[in-house]
Amino acid sequence: MREAMANAPVGDDVFGEDPTVNLLQAKVAEMLGKPAALYVPSGSMGNQICIKVHTKPGDEIIAERGAHIFNYETGAIAFLSGAQTNLIDGESGVMTAEQVKRAIRPRVYYMSRTSLICLENTHNRAGGTIYPLETIKSITNVAREEGIRMHLDGARLWNACVETGVSPREYASHFDSVSVCMSKGLGAPVGSVIAGTPEFIADARRYRKIFGGGMRQAGVIAAACLYAIENNIARLKEDHRKAKHIATDLSRMKGLAIHPQGVQTNILIIGLEKTGKTPEQVLLMLKERGVLLTPGNYMSVRAVTHMDVSMDDLKRAASIIGEVFR
């Protein structure tokens, strides 16, 4: 990957003249079955650009309560788009079509206009759960009937694809816009790609500049993304195996709330309510021993497996976690 970055031909991407960025955008657009795509510095920026293009100030977005766009993007929906969010309590991060239908606002002037439905696949806060394709189709049918646009936060869409065998193109076909991440499991250092119609991407390019995401010789980092999509998608299966493995090991430890059968991809949520320790205490104790986790939901911590964590690393981590709770 570093070699590809060093050897990348570059130009000025603000003017659309970087050949490596253009190649990345064309490849991702093809993979997602969309006419056009745009390279952006981060997944959060990608999601927020899409929301900005799809909405007007005062509009309402429907999303699941644990959605990344609502919980982990620093209030950007309100700050950047002036939109509000109607949150639905899903099951393991998944909303039903009936729930979505009931949440759509009546078309009267004194209510906010429902203009966008956002789904997340895989769902981060729910523990890397996969959105069932049939549920996506049902929600999209509701959206089409109501004239509402659909956005997919597909930061970990690649994980859903390798686990289910459903192609990125099939998942993306049910959405007006898609954001996919090149870092995280794919291992690139920087960037996400958003995709949609040429008109959508033209507007998105303008907002990318407004949000400070216009880059010059970005081919240096886009080359890493190209390497990632060409070499690192299939290996995500290995991360899923690792997550299931450590989930099984940790589930034997008294006091930890873990359900190995619920681990679908590469994220494990570890419940702490019966341990007598807070997430902050646990994270510090583990960090001091060389194990890095992040906060999860209420009274839980989150572990993510990826290419930089070997099976030996996982065994060592499980041993250290066991010492902390013994």
Protein backbone atom coordinates (compact mmCIF):
# COMPACT_ATOMS: atom_id res chain seq x y z
CA MET A 1 0.00 0.00 0.00
CA ARG A 2 2.85 2.41 0.88
CA GLU A 3 4.52 1.53 -2.42
CA ALA A 4 1.32 2.31 -4.34
CA MET A 5 1.10 5.66 -2.57
CA ALA A 6 4.70 6.56 -3.40
CA ASN A 7 4.25 5.70 -7.07
CA ALA A 8 0.80 7.28 -7.61
CA PRO A 9 0.43 9.72 -10.52
CA VAL A 10 -1.13 12.91 -9.18
CA GLY A 11 -2.79 16.14 -10.29
CA ASP A 12 -5.01 18.79 -8.70
CA ASP A 13 -8.21 17.15 -7.50
CA VAL A 14 -9.89 20.50 -6.75
CA PHE A 15 -9.96 20.88 -10.54
CA GLY A 16 -10.80 17.20 -11.05
CA GLU A 17 -7.35 16.59 -12.55
CA ASP A 18 -5.89 13.93 -10.27
CA PRO A 19 -5.79 10.68 -12.30
CA THR A 20 -5.53 8.42 -9.25
CA VAL A 21 -8.50 10.05 -7.53
CA ASN A 22 -10.50 9.87 -10.76
CA LEU A 23 -9.69 6.17 -11.11
CA LEU A 24 -10.74 5.49 -7.51
CA GLN A 25 -14.03 7.33 -8.02
CA ALA A 26 -14.74 5.46 -11.26
CA LYS A 27 -13.99 2.06 -9.67
CA VAL A 28 -16.15 2.65 -6.61
CA ALA A 29 -18.99 4.02 -8.74
CA GLU A 30 -18.83 0.84 -10.83
CA MET A 31 -18.76 -1.39 -7.73
CA LEU A 32 -21.83 0.37 -6.34
CA GLY A 33 -23.67 0.56 -9.66
CA LYS A 34 -23.89 4.36 -9.53
CA PRO A 35 -23.08 6.76 -12.40
CA ALA A 36 -20.70 8.95 -10.37
CA ALA A 37 -18.69 9.12 -7.16
CA LEU A 38 -16.62 11.55 -5.10
CA TYR A 39 -13.61 10.99 -2.82
CA VAL A 40 -13.91 12.73 0.56
CA PRO A 41 -11.54 12.91 3.55
CA SER A 42 -13.76 11.04 6.05
CA GLY A 43 -16.88 8.98 6.51
CA SER A 44 -18.49 11.68 8.62
CA MET A 45 -17.93 14.25 5.89
CA GLY A 46 -19.30 11.83 3.31
CA ASN A 47 -22.50 11.27 5.27
CA GLN A 48 -22.97 14.95 6.03
CA ILE A 49 -22.44 16.02 2.43
CA CYS A 50 -25.11 13.54 1.35
CA ILE A 51 -27.51 14.81 4.00
CA LYS A 52 -26.84 18.39 2.96
CA VAL A 53 -27.59 17.66 -0.71
CA HIS A 54 -30.78 15.76 0.11
CA THR A 55 -32.31 18.20 2.60
CA LYS A 56 -33.26 21.82 3.22
CA PRO A 57 -33.14 23.62 6.58
CA GLY A 58 -36.14 22.62 8.68
CA ASP A 59 -36.48 19.19 7.04
CA GLU A 60 -36.58 15.98 9.03
CA ILE A 61 -34.48 12.83 8.67
CA ILE A 62 -35.59 9.40 9.86
CA ALA A 63 -32.83 7.27 11.41
CA GLU A 64 -32.41 4.49 13.94
CA ARG A 65 -31.65 5.71 17.47
CA GLY A 66 -28.14 4.28 17.49
CA ALA A 67 -27.20 5.64 14.06
CA HIS A 68 -23.66 6.92 13.56
CA ILE A 69 -24.91 10.06 11.80
CA PHE A 70 -26.79 11.01 14.97
CA ASN A 71 -24.49 9.77 17.76
CA TYR A 72 -20.95 10.14 16.47
CA GLU A 73 -20.86 13.05 14.04
CA THR A 74 -20.91 15.88 16.58
CA GLY A 75 -24.40 17.19 15.91
CA ALA A 76 -23.48 17.87 12.30
CA ILE A 77 -27.01 17.27 10.94
CA ALA A 78 -28.29 20.25 12.88
CA PHE A 79 -25.12 22.31 12.58
CA LEU A 80 -24.47 21.91 8.85
CA SER A 81 -27.88 21.15 7.35
CA GLY A 82 -30.31 22.75 9.80
CA ALA A 83 -32.33 19.54 9.79
CA GLN A 84 -33.82 17.60 12.69
CA THR A 85 -33.75 13.85 13.27
CA ASN A 86 -36.71 11.59 14.02
CA LEU A 87 -35.24 8.60 15.85
CA ILE A 88 -36.72 5.10 15.79
CA ASP A 89 -35.90 2.35 18.28
CA GLY A 90 -34.80 -0.52 16.06
CA GLU A 91 -33.99 -4.12 16.94
CA SER A 92 -30.20 -4.55 16.88
CA GLY A 93 -30.00 -1.34 14.88
CA VAL A 94 -32.60 -2.40 12.33
CA MET A 95 -35.84 -0.46 11.75
CA THR A 96 -38.86 -2.06 10.11
CA ALA A 97 -40.76 -0.63 7.16
CA GLU A 98 -43.83 -0.26 9.37
CA GLN A 99 -41.89 1.78 11.92
CA VAL A 100 -40.55 4.03 9.17
CA LYS A 101 -43.99 4.47 7.62
CA ARG A 102 -45.48 5.58 10.95
CA ALA A 103 -42.63 8.09 11.46
CA ILE A 104 -43.20 9.95 8.18
CA ARG A 105 -44.73 13.37 8.82
CA PRO A 106 -48.13 14.27 7.32
CA ARG A 107 -47.74 16.80 4.52
CA VAL A 108 -49.10 19.82 6.34
CA TYR A 109 -47.39 23.19 6.46
CA TYR A 110 -46.98 23.31 10.24
CA MET A 111 -44.93 20.10 10.41
CA SER A 112 -41.37 19.44 9.38
CA ARG A 113 -41.01 17.78 5.98
CA THR A 114 -39.68 14.22 6.01
CA SER A 115 -37.14 14.36 3.19
CA LEU A 116 -34.61 11.58 3.91
CA ILE A 117 -34.36 8.11 5.44
CA CYS A 118 -30.89 6.99 6.52
CA LEU A 119 -29.88 3.38 7.14
CA GLU A 120 -26.52 2.08 8.40
CA ASN A 121 -24.98 -1.19 7.20
CA THR A 122 -23.32 -2.67 9.13
CA HIS A 123 -24.66 -0.94 12.25
CA ASN A 124 -21.77 0.19 14.42
CA ARG A 125 -23.46 0.90 17.76
CA ALA A 126 -25.52 -2.31 17.59
CA GLY A 127 -22.32 -4.35 17.30
CA GLY A 128 -21.66 -4.63 13.57
CA THR A 129 -25.09 -6.07 12.76
CA ILE A 130 -26.10 -6.55 9.13
CA TYR A 131 -29.23 -4.88 7.74
CA PRO A 132 -31.35 -7.64 6.13
CA LEU A 133 -31.71 -7.02 2.42
CA GLU A 134 -35.45 -7.73 2.42
CA THR A 135 -35.96 -5.14 5.15
CA ILE A 136 -34.01 -2.59 3.12
CA LYS A 137 -36.23 -3.30 0.12
CA SER A 138 -39.38 -2.86 2.19
CA ILE A 139 -38.20 0.47 3.60
CA THR A 140 -37.18 1.66 0.13
CA ASN A 141 -40.66 0.81 -1.19
CA VAL A 142 -42.18 3.00 1.54
CA ALA A 143 -39.75 5.81 0.69
CA ARG A 144 -40.52 5.63 -3.04
CA GLU A 145 -44.28 5.72 -2.40
CA GLU A 146 -43.82 8.86 -0.30
CA GLY A 147 -41.28 10.59 -2.54
CA ILE A 148 -38.58 10.43 0.15
CA ARG A 149 -34.89 9.92 -0.63
CA MET A 150 -32.73 7.16 0.84
CA HIS A 151 -29.12 7.40 2.06
CA LEU A 152 -26.91 4.48 3.10
CA ASP A 153 -24.16 4.99 5.63
CA GLY A 154 -22.13 2.08 4.32
CA ALA A 155 -18.93 2.69 6.27
CA ARG A 156 -18.76 -1.08 6.82
CA LEU A 157 -20.80 -2.14 3.80
CA TRP A 158 -17.86 -4.28 2.69
CA ASN A 159 -18.24 -6.36 5.87
CA ALA A 160 -21.92 -6.95 5.16
CA CYS A 161 -21.09 -8.00 1.60
CA VAL A 162 -18.41 -10.57 2.47
CA GLU A 163 -20.54 -12.07 5.23
CA THR A 164 -23.79 -12.36 3.25
CA GLY A 165 -22.55 -12.74 -0.34
CA VAL A 166 -24.77 -9.81 -1.38
CA SER A 167 -22.91 -7.53 -3.79
CA PRO A 168 -22.23 -3.84 -3.04
CA ARG A 169 -24.20 -3.04 -6.21
CA GLU A 170 -27.27 -4.88 -4.94
CA TYR A 171 -27.20 -3.14 -1.57
CA ALA A 172 -26.58 0.26 -3.17
CA SER A 173 -29.36 -0.12 -5.74
CA HIS A 174 -31.95 0.65 -3.07
CA PHE A 175 -30.47 4.04 -2.15
CA ASP A 176 -30.17 7.46 -3.77
CA SER A 177 -26.76 7.98 -2.21
CA VAL A 178 -24.17 5.73 -0.58
CA SER A 179 -21.10 6.43 1.54
CA VAL A 180 -18.41 3.75 1.86
CA CYS A 181 -15.24 3.89 3.95
CA MET A 182 -11.75 2.97 2.77
CA SER A 183 -10.13 3.01 6.19
CA LYS A 184 -11.34 0.86 9.10
CA GLY A 185 -11.36 -2.78 7.93
CA LEU A 186 -9.85 -2.08 4.51
CA GLY A 187 -6.78 -0.51 6.07
CA ALA A 188 -6.36 2.68 4.01
CA PRO A 189 -5.13 5.67 6.05
CA VAL A 190 -7.55 8.30 4.76
CA GLY A 191 -10.90 8.64 3.08
CA SER A 192 -14.37 7.58 2.06
CA VAL A 193 -16.24 7.68 -1.24
CA ILE A 194 -19.83 8.81 -1.81
CA ALA A 195 -21.81 7.80 -4.88
CA GLY A 196 -25.00 8.79 -6.66
CA THR A 197 -26.23 10.47 -9.85
CA PRO A 198 -24.00 12.94 -11.74
CA GLU A 199 -26.28 15.79 -10.61
CA PHE A 200 -26.03 14.64 -6.99
CA ILE A 201 -22.24 14.40 -7.17
CA ALA A 202 -21.98 17.86 -8.77
CA ASP A 203 -23.79 19.30 -5.75
CA ALA A 204 -21.73 17.10 -3.42
CA ARG A 205 -18.47 18.42 -4.90
CA ARG A 206 -19.59 21.97 -4.12
CA TYR A 207 -20.44 21.09 -0.52
CA ARG A 208 -17.17 19.19 -0.14
CA LYS A 209 -15.40 22.47 -0.92
CA ILE A 210 -17.64 24.43 1.47
CA PHE A 211 -16.99 21.90 4.27
CA GLY A 212 -13.23 22.18 3.71
CA GLY A 213 -12.77 18.84 2.00
CA GLY A 214 -11.26 19.99 -1.29
CA MET A 215 -7.80 18.43 -1.66
CA ARG A 216 -4.96 19.03 -4.10
CA GLN A 217 -2.62 16.13 -4.96
CA ALA A 218 -4.94 13.67 -3.24
CA GLY A 219 -3.82 10.80 -5.45
CA VAL A 220 -1.17 10.01 -2.85
CA ILE A 221 -3.87 8.90 -0.40
CA ALA A 222 -6.37 7.75 -3.05
CA ALA A 223 -3.76 5.20 -4.19
CA ALA A 224 -4.00 3.56 -0.77
CA CYS A 225 -7.77 3.33 -1.21
CA LEU A 226 -7.36 1.71 -4.62
CA TYR A 227 -4.99 -0.84 -3.12
CA ALA A 228 -7.48 -1.47 -0.31
CA ILE A 229 -10.47 -2.22 -2.54
CA GLU A 230 -8.36 -4.39 -4.83
CA ASN A 231 -6.69 -6.43 -2.08
CA ASN A 232 -8.38 -6.15 1.30
CA ILE A 233 -12.10 -6.80 0.90
CA ALA A 234 -12.10 -10.60 0.82
CA ARG A 235 -9.88 -10.80 3.91
CA LEU A 236 -12.59 -9.14 6.04
CA LYS A 237 -13.92 -12.66 6.61
CA GLU A 238 -10.84 -13.24 8.74
CA ASP A 239 -11.79 -10.30 10.97
CA HIS A 240 -15.25 -11.80 11.42
CA ARG A 241 -13.75 -15.13 12.47
CA LYS A 242 -11.51 -13.36 14.97
CA ALA A 243 -14.44 -11.46 16.50
CA LYS A 244 -16.44 -14.66 16.96
CA HIS A 245 -13.37 -16.35 18.46
CA ILE A 246 -12.71 -13.71 21.13
CA ALA A 247 -16.46 -13.44 21.83
CA THR A 248 -16.52 -17.16 22.63
CA ASP A 249 -13.45 -16.84 24.89
CA LEU A 250 -14.80 -13.83 26.79
CA SER A 251 -18.31 -15.27 27.16
CA ARG A 252 -16.86 -17.83 29.59
CA MET A 253 -15.82 -15.06 31.98
CA LYS A 254 -18.19 -14.47 34.86
CA GLY A 255 -19.89 -11.08 34.92
CA LEU A 256 -19.33 -10.08 31.31
CA ALA A 257 -22.47 -9.86 29.15
CA ILE A 258 -21.48 -11.28 25.78
CA HIS A 259 -23.54 -13.19 23.23
CA PRO A 260 -21.23 -14.90 20.71
CA GLN A 261 -24.18 -15.93 18.54
CA GLY A 262 -25.00 -12.25 18.07
CA VAL A 263 -21.58 -11.37 16.64
CA GLN A 264 -22.19 -11.05 12.90
CA THR A 265 -19.10 -9.24 11.65
CA ASN A 266 -16.06 -7.65 13.35
CA ILE A 267 -17.53 -5.74 16.32
CA LEU A 268 -18.09 -7.08 19.82
CA ILE A 269 -20.05 -5.20 22.52
CA ILE A 270 -19.09 -6.27 26.05
CA GLY A 271 -21.68 -5.53 28.75
CA LEU A 272 -20.31 -4.52 32.17
CA GLU A 273 -23.39 -4.03 34.35
CA LYS A 274 -22.67 -7.09 36.50
CA THR A 275 -18.96 -6.35 36.98
CA GLY A 276 -19.25 -3.40 39.35
CA LYS A 277 -16.94 -1.39 37.11
CA THR A 278 -17.72 1.56 34.84
CA PRO A 279 -16.66 1.63 31.16
CA GLU A 280 -14.19 4.43 31.99
CA GLN A 281 -12.54 2.31 34.69
CA VAL A 282 -12.35 -0.73 32.44
CA LEU A 283 -10.93 1.17 29.48
CA LEU A 284 -8.19 2.69 31.65
CA MET A 285 -7.30 -0.63 33.31
CA LEU A 286 -7.05 -2.34 29.94
CA LYS A 287 -5.08 0.50 28.34
CA GLU A 288 -2.50 0.29 31.14
CA ARG A 289 -2.06 -3.38 30.19
CA GLY A 290 -1.80 -2.74 26.44
CA VAL A 291 -5.37 -3.55 25.34
CA LEU A 292 -7.25 -0.75 23.55
CA LEU A 293 -11.05 -0.77 23.44
CA THR A 294 -13.57 2.07 23.07
CA PRO A 295 -16.81 2.99 24.87
CA GLY A 296 -19.92 1.13 23.69
CA ASN A 297 -23.52 1.79 24.65
CA TYR A 298 -24.57 2.34 28.27
CA MET A 299 -22.37 0.30 30.63
CA SER A 300 -20.49 -1.46 27.86
CA VAL A 301 -17.23 -1.34 25.93
CA ARG A 302 -16.55 -2.13 22.29
CA ALA A 303 -13.89 -4.31 20.70
CA VAL A 304 -13.17 -4.31 16.97
CA THR A 305 -11.05 -6.86 15.11
CA HIS A 306 -9.05 -5.76 12.07
CA MET A 307 -6.01 -6.59 9.96
CA ASP A 308 -3.52 -5.22 12.51
CA VAL A 309 -4.73 -7.61 15.22
CA SER A 310 -3.47 -11.19 14.90
CA MET A 311 -4.97 -14.30 16.47
CA ASP A 312 -2.09 -14.32 18.97
CA ASP A 313 -2.94 -10.71 19.84
CA LEU A 314 -6.54 -11.76 20.48
CA LYS A 315 -5.50 -14.59 22.78
CA ARG A 316 -3.28 -12.20 24.73
CA ALA A 317 -6.08 -9.62 24.93
CA ALA A 318 -8.56 -12.23 26.18
CA SER A 319 -6.04 -13.30 28.83
CA ILE A 320 -5.51 -9.71 30.02
CA ILE A 321 -9.27 -9.03 30.11
CA GLY A 322 -9.64 -12.18 32.18
CA GLU A 323 -7.03 -10.91 34.66
CA VAL A 324 -8.84 -7.58 34.99
CA PHE A 325 -12.15 -9.24 35.88
CA ARG A 326 -10.82 -12.15 37.89
